[in-house]
């Protein structure tokens, strides 16, 4: 999910493990202007990863489901990432549920 405040952009990426009930396996934040393209390119190298462009309602639904399903990080860095970004994921979910500004 990409978010912008003026010209400052960041992406919140969530790795959802559908083999483990749709739980959150990893989450991370990246900054920059080529975020979506960089993430899509990285996803191409892993045949188990599906990269999809979603609209706001689709992103909100997927994030809601993943948060509700729980967490399943396996590696120590995944545990650290999920713990560090748990509050940010909920805050971004709140932004996705707010009506768009006129």
PDB file of N, CA and C in Angstrom:
ATOM      1  N   UNK A   1       0.858  -1.158   0.000  1.00  0.00           N
ATOM      2  CA  UNK A   1       0.000   0.000   0.000  1.00  0.00           C
ATOM      3  C   UNK A   1       0.899   1.215   0.000  1.00  0.00           C
ATOM      4  N   UNK A   2       0.608   2.169  -0.870  1.00  0.00           N
ATOM      5  CA  UNK A   2       1.403   3.391  -0.893  1.00  0.00           C
ATOM      6  C   UNK A   2       0.591   4.532  -0.316  1.00  0.00           C
ATOM      7  N   UNK A   3       1.281   5.392   0.408  1.00  0.00           N
ATOM      8  CA  UNK A   3       0.675   6.549   1.044  1.00  0.00           C
ATOM      9  C   UNK A   3       1.576   7.745   0.768  1.00  0.00           C
ATOM     10  N   UNK A   4       0.992   8.925   0.682  1.00  0.00           N
ATOM     11  CA  UNK A   4       1.782  10.127   0.428  1.00  0.00           C
ATOM     12  C   UNK A   4       1.268  11.269   1.286  1.00  0.00           C
ATOM     13  N   UNK A   5       2.205  12.063   1.735  1.00  0.00           N
ATOM     14  CA  UNK A   5       1.929  13.302   2.463  1.00  0.00           C
ATOM     15  C   UNK A   5       2.670  14.381   1.699  1.00  0.00           C
ATOM     16  N   UNK A   6       1.957  15.071   0.829  1.00  0.00           N
ATOM     17  CA  UNK A   6       2.625  16.012  -0.061  1.00  0.00           C
ATOM     18  C   UNK A   6       3.478  15.224  -1.038  1.00  0.00           C
ATOM     19  N   UNK A   7       4.759  15.559  -1.112  1.00  0.00           N
ATOM     20  CA  UNK A   7       5.645  14.833  -2.027  1.00  0.00           C
ATOM     21  C   UNK A   7       6.410  13.699  -1.336  1.00  0.00           C
ATOM     22  N   UNK A   8       6.109  13.462  -0.058  1.00  0.00           N
ATOM     23  CA  UNK A   8       6.764  12.377   0.690  1.00  0.00           C
ATOM     24  C   UNK A   8       5.897  11.123   0.593  1.00  0.00           C
ATOM     25  N   UNK A   9       6.493  10.076   0.032  1.00  0.00           N
ATOM     26  CA  UNK A   9       5.766   8.836  -0.187  1.00  0.00           C
ATOM     27  C   UNK A   9       6.395   7.700   0.609  1.00  0.00           C
ATOM     28  N   UNK A  10       5.553   6.777   1.063  1.00  0.00           N
ATOM     29  CA  UNK A  10       6.071   5.553   1.665  1.00  0.00           C
ATOM     30  C   UNK A  10       5.120   4.409   1.332  1.00  0.00           C
ATOM     31  N   UNK A  11       5.664   3.223   1.375  1.00  0.00           N
ATOM     32  CA  UNK A  11       4.854   2.035   1.109  1.00  0.00           C
ATOM     33  C   UNK A  11       4.893   1.139   2.330  1.00  0.00           C
ATOM     34  N   UNK A  12       3.760   0.563   2.640  1.00  0.00           N
ATOM     35  CA  UNK A  12       3.653  -0.426   3.701  1.00  0.00           C
ATOM     36  C   UNK A  12       3.364  -1.745   2.984  1.00  0.00           C
ATOM     37  N   UNK A  13       4.290  -2.672   3.087  1.00  0.00           N
ATOM     38  CA  UNK A  13       4.135  -3.977   2.438  1.00  0.00           C
ATOM     39  C   UNK A  13       3.818  -5.023   3.486  1.00  0.00           C
ATOM     40  N   UNK A  14       2.896  -5.908   3.130  1.00  0.00           N
ATOM     41  CA  UNK A  14       2.470  -6.962   4.043  1.00  0.00           C
ATOM     42  C   UNK A  14       2.549  -8.289   3.295  1.00  0.00           C
ATOM     43  N   UNK A  15       3.299  -9.223   3.859  1.00  0.00           N
ATOM     44  CA  UNK A  15       3.383 -10.568   3.302  1.00  0.00           C
ATOM     45  C   UNK A  15       2.338 -11.416   4.010  1.00  0.00           C
ATOM     46  N   UNK A  16       1.312 -11.816   3.255  1.00  0.00           N
ATOM     47  CA  UNK A  16       0.213 -12.609   3.798  1.00  0.00           C
ATOM     48  C   UNK A  16       0.428 -14.056   3.367  1.00  0.00           C
ATOM     49  N   UNK A  17       0.487 -14.954   4.328  1.00  0.00           N
ATOM     50  CA  UNK A  17       0.717 -16.372   4.045  1.00  0.00           C
ATOM     51  C   UNK A  17      -0.635 -17.080   3.957  1.00  0.00           C
ATOM     52  N   UNK A  18      -1.098 -17.295   2.729  1.00  0.00           N
ATOM     53  CA  UNK A  18      -2.396 -17.929   2.524  1.00  0.00           C
ATOM     54  C   UNK A  18      -2.356 -19.416   2.850  1.00  0.00           C
ATOM     55  N   UNK A  19      -1.174 -19.993   2.868  1.00  0.00           N
ATOM     56  CA  UNK A  19      -1.024 -21.389   3.269  1.00  0.00           C
ATOM     57  C   UNK A  19      -1.178 -21.584   4.771  1.00  0.00           C
ATOM     58  N   UNK A  20      -1.141 -20.488   5.500  1.00  0.00           N
ATOM     59  CA  UNK A  20      -1.298 -20.530   6.958  1.00  0.00           C
ATOM     60  C   UNK A  20      -2.499 -19.697   7.393  1.00  0.00           C
ATOM     61  N   UNK A  21      -3.563 -19.778   6.622  1.00  0.00           N
ATOM     62  CA  UNK A  21      -4.816 -19.140   7.007  1.00  0.00           C
ATOM     63  C   UNK A  21      -4.910 -17.657   6.748  1.00  0.00           C
ATOM     64  N   UNK A  22      -4.058 -17.125   5.887  1.00  0.00           N
ATOM     65  CA  UNK A  22      -4.121 -15.698   5.575  1.00  0.00           C
ATOM     66  C   UNK A  22      -3.512 -14.804   6.640  1.00  0.00           C
ATOM     67  N   UNK A  23      -2.625 -15.380   7.450  1.00  0.00           N
ATOM     68  CA  UNK A  23      -1.986 -14.607   8.523  1.00  0.00           C
ATOM     69  C   UNK A  23      -0.838 -13.754   7.995  1.00  0.00           C
ATOM     70  N   UNK A  24      -0.474 -12.756   8.779  1.00  0.00           N
ATOM     71  CA  UNK A  24       0.621 -11.857   8.423  1.00  0.00           C
ATOM     72  C   UNK A  24       1.946 -12.528   8.774  1.00  0.00           C
ATOM     73  N   UNK A  25       2.777 -12.725   7.745  1.00  0.00           N
ATOM     74  CA  UNK A  25       4.077 -13.357   7.943  1.00  0.00           C
ATOM     75  C   UNK A  25       5.182 -12.311   8.088  1.00  0.00           C
ATOM     76  N   UNK A  26       5.029 -11.188   7.413  1.00  0.00           N
ATOM     77  CA  UNK A  26       6.044 -10.142   7.484  1.00  0.00           C
ATOM     78  C   UNK A  26       5.392  -8.816   7.105  1.00  0.00           C
ATOM     79  N   UNK A  27       5.984  -7.735   7.538  1.00  0.00           N
ATOM     80  CA  UNK A  27       5.518  -6.388   7.193  1.00  0.00           C
ATOM     81  C   UNK A  27       6.725  -5.465   7.221  1.00  0.00           C
ATOM     82  N   UNK A  28       6.794  -4.548   6.269  1.00  0.00           N
ATOM     83  CA  UNK A  28       7.910  -3.624   6.234  1.00  0.00           C
ATOM     84  C   UNK A  28       7.489  -2.328   5.566  1.00  0.00           C
ATOM     85  N   UNK A  29       8.300  -1.305   5.762  1.00  0.00           N
ATOM     86  CA  UNK A  29       8.035   0.030   5.229  1.00  0.00           C
ATOM     87  C   UNK A  29       9.207   0.431   4.347  1.00  0.00           C
ATOM     88  N   UNK A  30       8.895   1.052   3.220  1.00  0.00           N
ATOM     89  CA  UNK A  30       9.925   1.565   2.316  1.00  0.00           C
ATOM     90  C   UNK A  30       9.548   2.982   1.916  1.00  0.00           C
ATOM     91  N   UNK A  31      10.560   3.785   1.640  1.00  0.00           N
ATOM     92  CA  UNK A  31      10.338   5.159   1.209  1.00  0.00           C
ATOM     93  C   UNK A  31      10.871   5.327  -0.204  1.00  0.00           C
ATOM     94  N   UNK A  32      10.282   6.262  -0.942  1.00  0.00           N
ATOM     95  CA  UNK A  32      10.781   6.563  -2.274  1.00  0.00           C
ATOM     96  C   UNK A  32       9.666   6.697  -3.287  1.00  0.00           C
ATOM     97  N   UNK A  33      10.050   7.033  -4.517  1.00  0.00           N
ATOM     98  CA  UNK A  33       9.063   7.296  -5.553  1.00  0.00           C
ATOM     99  C   UNK A  33       8.812   6.098  -6.462  1.00  0.00           C
ATOM    100  N   UNK A  34       9.676   5.124  -6.480  1.00  0.00           N
ATOM    101  CA  UNK A  34       9.510   3.957  -7.351  1.00  0.00           C
ATOM    102  C   UNK A  34       9.097   2.726  -6.547  1.00  0.00           C
ATOM    103  N   UNK A  35       8.342   2.940  -5.493  1.00  0.00           N
ATOM    104  CA  UNK A  35       8.022   1.860  -4.555  1.00  0.00           C
ATOM    105  C   UNK A  35       7.273   0.705  -5.196  1.00  0.00           C
ATOM    106  N   UNK A  36       6.225   1.012  -5.913  1.00  0.00           N
ATOM    107  CA  UNK A  36       5.412  -0.055  -6.484  1.00  0.00           C
ATOM    108  C   UNK A  36       6.204  -0.852  -7.511  1.00  0.00           C
ATOM    109  N   UNK A  37       6.925  -0.165  -8.371  1.00  0.00           N
ATOM    110  CA  UNK A  37       7.710  -0.849  -9.397  1.00  0.00           C
ATOM    111  C   UNK A  37       8.797  -1.724  -8.771  1.00  0.00           C
ATOM    112  N   UNK A  38       9.464  -1.224  -7.743  1.00  0.00           N
ATOM    113  CA  UNK A  38      10.506  -2.004  -7.071  1.00  0.00           C
ATOM    114  C   UNK A  38       9.925  -3.254  -6.416  1.00  0.00           C
ATOM    115  N   UNK A  39       8.785  -3.115  -5.773  1.00  0.00           N
ATOM    116  CA  UNK A  39       8.156  -4.259  -5.106  1.00  0.00           C
ATOM    117  C   UNK A  39       7.683  -5.279  -6.129  1.00  0.00           C
ATOM    118  N   UNK A  40       7.095  -4.804  -7.205  1.00  0.00           N
ATOM    119  CA  UNK A  40       6.632  -5.722  -8.252  1.00  0.00           C
ATOM    120  C   UNK A  40       7.799  -6.488  -8.860  1.00  0.00           C
ATOM    121  N   UNK A  41       8.899  -5.809  -9.103  1.00  0.00           N
ATOM    122  CA  UNK A  41      10.087  -6.461  -9.661  1.00  0.00           C
ATOM    123  C   UNK A  41      10.631  -7.518  -8.701  1.00  0.00           C
ATOM    124  N   UNK A  42      10.688  -7.214  -7.422  1.00  0.00           N
ATOM    125  CA  UNK A  42      11.177  -8.182  -6.428  1.00  0.00           C
ATOM    126  C   UNK A  42      10.260  -9.398  -6.350  1.00  0.00           C
ATOM    127  N   UNK A  43       8.964  -9.192  -6.472  1.00  0.00           N
ATOM    128  CA  UNK A  43       7.998 -10.293  -6.396  1.00  0.00           C
ATOM    129  C   UNK A  43       8.141 -11.243  -7.576  1.00  0.00           C
ATOM    130  N   UNK A  44       8.566 -10.739  -8.716  1.00  0.00           N
ATOM    131  CA  UNK A  44       8.732 -11.592  -9.908  1.00  0.00           C
ATOM    132  C   UNK A  44       9.765 -12.691  -9.704  1.00  0.00           C
ATOM    133  N   UNK A  45      10.712 -12.470  -8.800  1.00  0.00           N
ATOM    134  CA  UNK A  45      11.776 -13.454  -8.610  1.00  0.00           C
ATOM    135  C   UNK A  45      11.362 -14.633  -7.736  1.00  0.00           C
ATOM    136  N   UNK A  46      10.186 -14.573  -7.145  1.00  0.00           N
ATOM    137  CA  UNK A  46       9.708 -15.656  -6.279  1.00  0.00           C
ATOM    138  C   UNK A  46       8.397 -16.200  -6.845  1.00  0.00           C
ATOM    139  N   UNK A  47       8.411 -17.449  -7.327  1.00  0.00           N
ATOM    140  CA  UNK A  47       7.192 -17.999  -7.940  1.00  0.00           C
ATOM    141  C   UNK A  47       6.037 -18.186  -6.959  1.00  0.00           C
ATOM    142  N   UNK A  48       6.305 -18.138  -5.673  1.00  0.00           N
ATOM    143  CA  UNK A  48       5.237 -18.294  -4.681  1.00  0.00           C
ATOM    144  C   UNK A  48       4.595 -16.971  -4.287  1.00  0.00           C
ATOM    145  N   UNK A  49       5.146 -15.873  -4.774  1.00  0.00           N
ATOM    146  CA  UNK A  49       4.634 -14.554  -4.421  1.00  0.00           C
ATOM    147  C   UNK A  49       3.759 -14.031  -5.552  1.00  0.00           C
ATOM    148  N   UNK A  50       2.580 -13.549  -5.186  1.00  0.00           N
ATOM    149  CA  UNK A  50       1.666 -12.943  -6.148  1.00  0.00           C
ATOM    150  C   UNK A  50       1.608 -11.455  -5.827  1.00  0.00           C
ATOM    151  N   UNK A  51       1.921 -10.648  -6.811  1.00  0.00           N
ATOM    152  CA  UNK A  51       1.845  -9.200  -6.658  1.00  0.00           C
ATOM    153  C   UNK A  51       0.624  -8.724  -7.421  1.00  0.00           C
ATOM    154  N   UNK A  52      -0.238  -7.980  -6.748  1.00  0.00           N
ATOM    155  CA  UNK A  52      -1.449  -7.473  -7.379  1.00  0.00           C
ATOM    156  C   UNK A  52      -1.634  -6.002  -7.053  1.00  0.00           C
ATOM    157  N   UNK A  53      -2.097  -5.258  -8.021  1.00  0.00           N
ATOM    158  CA  UNK A  53      -2.504  -3.880  -7.771  1.00  0.00           C
ATOM    159  C   UNK A  53      -3.957  -3.918  -7.313  1.00  0.00           C
ATOM    160  N   UNK A  54      -4.236  -3.297  -6.190  1.00  0.00           N
ATOM    161  CA  UNK A  54      -5.582  -3.294  -5.615  1.00  0.00           C
ATOM    162  C   UNK A  54      -6.075  -1.865  -5.472  1.00  0.00           C
ATOM    163  N   UNK A  55      -7.378  -1.712  -5.544  1.00  0.00           N
ATOM    164  CA  UNK A  55      -7.939  -0.410  -5.227  1.00  0.00           C
ATOM    165  C   UNK A  55      -8.037  -0.296  -3.701  1.00  0.00           C
ATOM    166  N   UNK A  56      -8.461   0.850  -3.218  1.00  0.00           N
ATOM    167  CA  UNK A  56      -8.501   1.093  -1.775  1.00  0.00           C
ATOM    168  C   UNK A  56      -9.382   0.085  -1.052  1.00  0.00           C
ATOM    169  N   UNK A  57     -10.562  -0.200  -1.596  1.00  0.00           N
ATOM    170  CA  UNK A  57     -11.458  -1.128  -0.905  1.00  0.00           C
ATOM    171  C   UNK A  57     -10.880  -2.543  -0.889  1.00  0.00           C
ATOM    172  N   UNK A  58     -10.214  -2.942  -1.962  1.00  0.00           N
ATOM    173  CA  UNK A  58      -9.579  -4.258  -1.988  1.00  0.00           C
ATOM    174  C   UNK A  58      -8.434  -4.359  -0.995  1.00  0.00           C
ATOM    175  N   UNK A  59      -7.625  -3.306  -0.910  1.00  0.00           N
ATOM    176  CA  UNK A  59      -6.525  -3.288   0.052  1.00  0.00           C
ATOM    177  C   UNK A  59      -7.058  -3.321   1.485  1.00  0.00           C
ATOM    178  N   UNK A  60      -8.098  -2.544   1.731  1.00  0.00           N
ATOM    179  CA  UNK A  60      -8.698  -2.519   3.069  1.00  0.00           C
ATOM    180  C   UNK A  60      -9.217  -3.900   3.455  1.00  0.00           C
ATOM    181  N   UNK A  61      -9.920  -4.552   2.555  1.00  0.00           N
ATOM    182  CA  UNK A  61     -10.470  -5.872   2.833  1.00  0.00           C
ATOM    183  C   UNK A  61      -9.364  -6.888   3.117  1.00  0.00           C
ATOM    184  N   UNK A  62      -8.326  -6.885   2.311  1.00  0.00           N
ATOM    185  CA  UNK A  62      -7.233  -7.847   2.515  1.00  0.00           C
ATOM    186  C   UNK A  62      -6.500  -7.591   3.826  1.00  0.00           C
ATOM    187  N   UNK A  63      -6.270  -6.314   4.137  1.00  0.00           N
ATOM    188  CA  UNK A  63      -5.580  -6.001   5.381  1.00  0.00           C
ATOM    189  C   UNK A  63      -6.451  -6.336   6.589  1.00  0.00           C
ATOM    190  N   UNK A  64      -7.737  -6.034   6.520  1.00  0.00           N
ATOM    191  CA  UNK A  64      -8.654  -6.398   7.617  1.00  0.00           C
ATOM    192  C   UNK A  64      -8.629  -7.902   7.864  1.00  0.00           C
ATOM    193  N   UNK A  65      -8.720  -8.675   6.792  1.00  0.00           N
ATOM    194  CA  UNK A  65      -8.714 -10.136   6.924  1.00  0.00           C
ATOM    195  C   UNK A  65      -7.403 -10.632   7.517  1.00  0.00           C
ATOM    196  N   UNK A  66      -6.290 -10.081   7.058  1.00  0.00           N
ATOM    197  CA  UNK A  66      -4.988 -10.523   7.551  1.00  0.00           C
ATOM    198  C   UNK A  66      -4.814 -10.188   9.032  1.00  0.00           C
ATOM    199  N   UNK A  67      -5.206  -8.989   9.422  1.00  0.00           N
ATOM    200  CA  UNK A  67      -5.095  -8.607  10.837  1.00  0.00           C
ATOM    201  C   UNK A  67      -5.979  -9.512  11.681  1.00  0.00           C
ATOM    202  N   UNK A  68      -7.182  -9.788  11.206  1.00  0.00           N
ATOM    203  CA  UNK A  68      -8.096 -10.668  11.948  1.00  0.00           C
ATOM    204  C   UNK A  68      -7.574 -12.095  12.039  1.00  0.00           C
ATOM    205  N   UNK A  69      -6.896 -12.561  10.992  1.00  0.00           N
ATOM    206  CA  UNK A  69      -6.379 -13.937  10.972  1.00  0.00           C
ATOM    207  C   UNK A  69      -5.242 -14.126  11.977  1.00  0.00           C
ATOM    208  N   UNK A  70      -4.478 -13.067  12.224  1.00  0.00           N
ATOM    209  CA  UNK A  70      -3.372 -13.155  13.173  1.00  0.00           C
ATOM    210  C   UNK A  70      -2.017 -13.062  12.481  1.00  0.00           C
ATOM    211  N   UNK A  71      -1.015 -13.493  13.165  1.00  0.00           N
ATOM    212  CA  UNK A  71       0.365 -13.362  12.689  1.00  0.00           C
ATOM    213  C   UNK A  71       1.055 -14.724  12.701  1.00  0.00           C
ATOM    214  N   UNK A  72       1.984 -14.902  11.757  1.00  0.00           N
ATOM    215  CA  UNK A  72       2.715 -16.169  11.680  1.00  0.00           C
ATOM    216  C   UNK A  72       4.153 -15.979  11.219  1.00  0.00           C
ATOM    217  N   UNK A  73       4.871 -14.991  11.755  1.00  0.00           N
ATOM    218  CA  UNK A  73       6.257 -14.822  11.327  1.00  0.00           C
ATOM    219  C   UNK A  73       7.074 -16.050  11.737  1.00  0.00           C
ATOM    220  N   UNK A  74       8.053 -16.408  10.907  1.00  0.00           N
ATOM    221  CA  UNK A  74       8.874 -17.582  11.189  1.00  0.00           C
ATOM    222  C   UNK A  74      10.314 -17.226  11.532  1.00  0.00           C
ATOM    223  N   UNK A  75      10.904 -16.336  10.766  1.00  0.00           N
ATOM    224  CA  UNK A  75      12.298 -15.949  10.966  1.00  0.00           C
ATOM    225  C   UNK A  75      12.383 -14.822  12.002  1.00  0.00           C
ATOM    226  N   UNK A  76      13.517 -14.737  12.719  1.00  0.00           N
ATOM    227  CA  UNK A  76      13.655 -13.670  13.722  1.00  0.00           C
ATOM    228  C   UNK A  76      13.416 -12.265  13.161  1.00  0.00           C
ATOM    229  N   UNK A  77      13.892 -11.999  11.921  1.00  0.00           N
ATOM    230  CA  UNK A  77      13.673 -10.668  11.355  1.00  0.00           C
ATOM    231  C   UNK A  77      12.197 -10.433  11.033  1.00  0.00           C
ATOM    232  N   UNK A  78      11.469 -11.489  10.676  1.00  0.00           N
ATOM    233  CA  UNK A  78      10.034 -11.353  10.441  1.00  0.00           C
ATOM    234  C   UNK A  78       9.303 -11.051  11.744  1.00  0.00           C
ATOM    235  N   UNK A  79       9.691 -11.715  12.809  1.00  0.00           N
ATOM    236  CA  UNK A  79       9.093 -11.443  14.124  1.00  0.00           C
ATOM    237  C   UNK A  79       9.303  -9.978  14.489  1.00  0.00           C
ATOM    238  N   UNK A  80      10.547  -9.511  14.344  1.00  0.00           N
ATOM    239  CA  UNK A  80      10.856  -8.112  14.660  1.00  0.00           C
ATOM    240  C   UNK A  80      10.030  -7.149  13.806  1.00  0.00           C
ATOM    241  N   UNK A  81       9.943  -7.450  12.503  1.00  0.00           N
ATOM    242  CA  UNK A  81       9.200  -6.573  11.593  1.00  0.00           C
ATOM    243  C   UNK A  81       7.718  -6.502  11.950  1.00  0.00           C
ATOM    244  N   UNK A  82       7.118  -7.655  12.193  1.00  0.00           N
ATOM    245  CA  UNK A  82       5.684  -7.689  12.497  1.00  0.00           C
ATOM    246  C   UNK A  82       5.390  -6.945  13.802  1.00  0.00           C
ATOM    247  N   UNK A  83       6.210  -7.174  14.803  1.00  0.00           N
ATOM    248  CA  UNK A  83       6.018  -6.489  16.085  1.00  0.00           C
ATOM    249  C   UNK A  83       6.204  -4.976  15.911  1.00  0.00           C
ATOM    250  N   UNK A  84       7.250  -4.592  15.174  1.00  0.00           N
ATOM    251  CA  UNK A  84       7.554  -3.169  15.002  1.00  0.00           C
ATOM    252  C   UNK A  84       6.492  -2.433  14.194  1.00  0.00           C
ATOM    253  N   UNK A  85       5.801  -3.143  13.300  1.00  0.00           N
ATOM    254  CA  UNK A  85       4.855  -2.474  12.401  1.00  0.00           C
ATOM    255  C   UNK A  85       3.384  -2.760  12.703  1.00  0.00           C
ATOM    256  N   UNK A  86       3.129  -3.478  13.760  1.00  0.00           N
ATOM    257  CA  UNK A  86       1.749  -3.842  14.116  1.00  0.00           C
ATOM    258  C   UNK A  86       0.858  -2.598  14.253  1.00  0.00           C
ATOM    259  N   UNK A  87       1.305  -1.606  14.997  1.00  0.00           N
ATOM    260  CA  UNK A  87       0.507  -0.392  15.201  1.00  0.00           C
ATOM    261  C   UNK A  87       0.357   0.393  13.900  1.00  0.00           C
ATOM    262  N   UNK A  88       1.414   0.421  13.080  1.00  0.00           N
ATOM    263  CA  UNK A  88       1.338   1.129  11.804  1.00  0.00           C
ATOM    264  C   UNK A  88       0.312   0.471  10.877  1.00  0.00           C
ATOM    265  N   UNK A  89       0.265  -0.853  10.859  1.00  0.00           N
ATOM    266  CA  UNK A  89      -0.729  -1.542  10.025  1.00  0.00           C
ATOM    267  C   UNK A  89      -2.145  -1.151  10.434  1.00  0.00           C
ATOM    268  N   UNK A  90      -2.384  -1.101  11.722  1.00  0.00           N
ATOM    269  CA  UNK A  90      -3.725  -0.712  12.188  1.00  0.00           C
ATOM    270  C   UNK A  90      -4.022   0.750  11.854  1.00  0.00           C
ATOM    271  N   UNK A  91      -3.021   1.609  11.969  1.00  0.00           N
ATOM    272  CA  UNK A  91      -3.213   3.023  11.636  1.00  0.00           C
ATOM    273  C   UNK A  91      -3.495   3.204  10.150  1.00  0.00           C
ATOM    274  N   UNK A  92      -2.796   2.451   9.308  1.00  0.00           N
ATOM    275  CA  UNK A  92      -3.034   2.553   7.872  1.00  0.00           C
ATOM    276  C   UNK A  92      -4.394   1.964   7.510  1.00  0.00           C
ATOM    277  N   UNK A  93      -4.822   0.933   8.207  1.00  0.00           N
ATOM    278  CA  UNK A  93      -6.163   0.388   7.994  1.00  0.00           C
ATOM    279  C   UNK A  93      -7.194   1.465   8.299  1.00  0.00           C
ATOM    280  N   UNK A  94      -6.974   2.214   9.375  1.00  0.00           N
ATOM    281  CA  UNK A  94      -7.889   3.314   9.700  1.00  0.00           C
ATOM    282  C   UNK A  94      -7.948   4.340   8.576  1.00  0.00           C
ATOM    283  N   UNK A  95      -6.791   4.650   7.966  1.00  0.00           N
ATOM    284  CA  UNK A  95      -6.778   5.605   6.849  1.00  0.00           C
ATOM    285  C   UNK A  95      -7.550   5.057   5.660  1.00  0.00           C
ATOM    286  N   UNK A  96      -7.456   3.754   5.438  1.00  0.00           N
ATOM    287  CA  UNK A  96      -8.152   3.137   4.305  1.00  0.00           C
ATOM    288  C   UNK A  96      -9.661   3.104   4.506  1.00  0.00           C
ATOM    289  N   UNK A  97     -10.118   3.213   5.749  1.00  0.00           N
ATOM    290  CA  UNK A  97     -11.550   3.154   6.010  1.00  0.00           C
ATOM    291  C   UNK A  97     -12.186   4.538   6.095  1.00  0.00           C
ATOM    292  N   UNK A  98     -11.371   5.577   6.160  1.00  0.00           N
ATOM    293  CA  UNK A  98     -11.903   6.937   6.207  1.00  0.00           C
ATOM    294  C   UNK A  98     -12.349   7.377   4.822  1.00  0.00           C
ATOM    295  N   UNK A  99     -13.401   8.159   4.736  1.00  0.00           N
ATOM    296  CA  UNK A  99     -13.820   8.677   3.427  1.00  0.00           C
ATOM    297  C   UNK A  99     -12.730   9.566   2.849  1.00  0.00           C
ATOM    298  N   UNK A 100     -12.587   9.541   1.553  1.00  0.00           N
ATOM    299  CA  UNK A 100     -11.583  10.365   0.881  1.00  0.00           C
ATOM    300  C   UNK A 100     -11.915  11.838   1.047  1.00  0.00           C
ATOM    301  N   UNK A 101     -10.867  12.641   1.168  1.00  0.00           N
ATOM    302  CA  UNK A 101     -11.054  14.090   1.290  1.00  0.00           C
ATOM    303  C   UNK A 101     -11.498  14.644  -0.067  1.00  0.00           C
ATOM    304  N   UNK A 102     -12.337  15.673  -0.043  1.00  0.00           N
ATOM    305  CA  UNK A 102     -12.823  16.250  -1.324  1.00  0.00           C
ATOM    306  C   UNK A 102     -11.723  16.920  -2.102  1.00  0.00           C
TER     307      UNK A 102
END
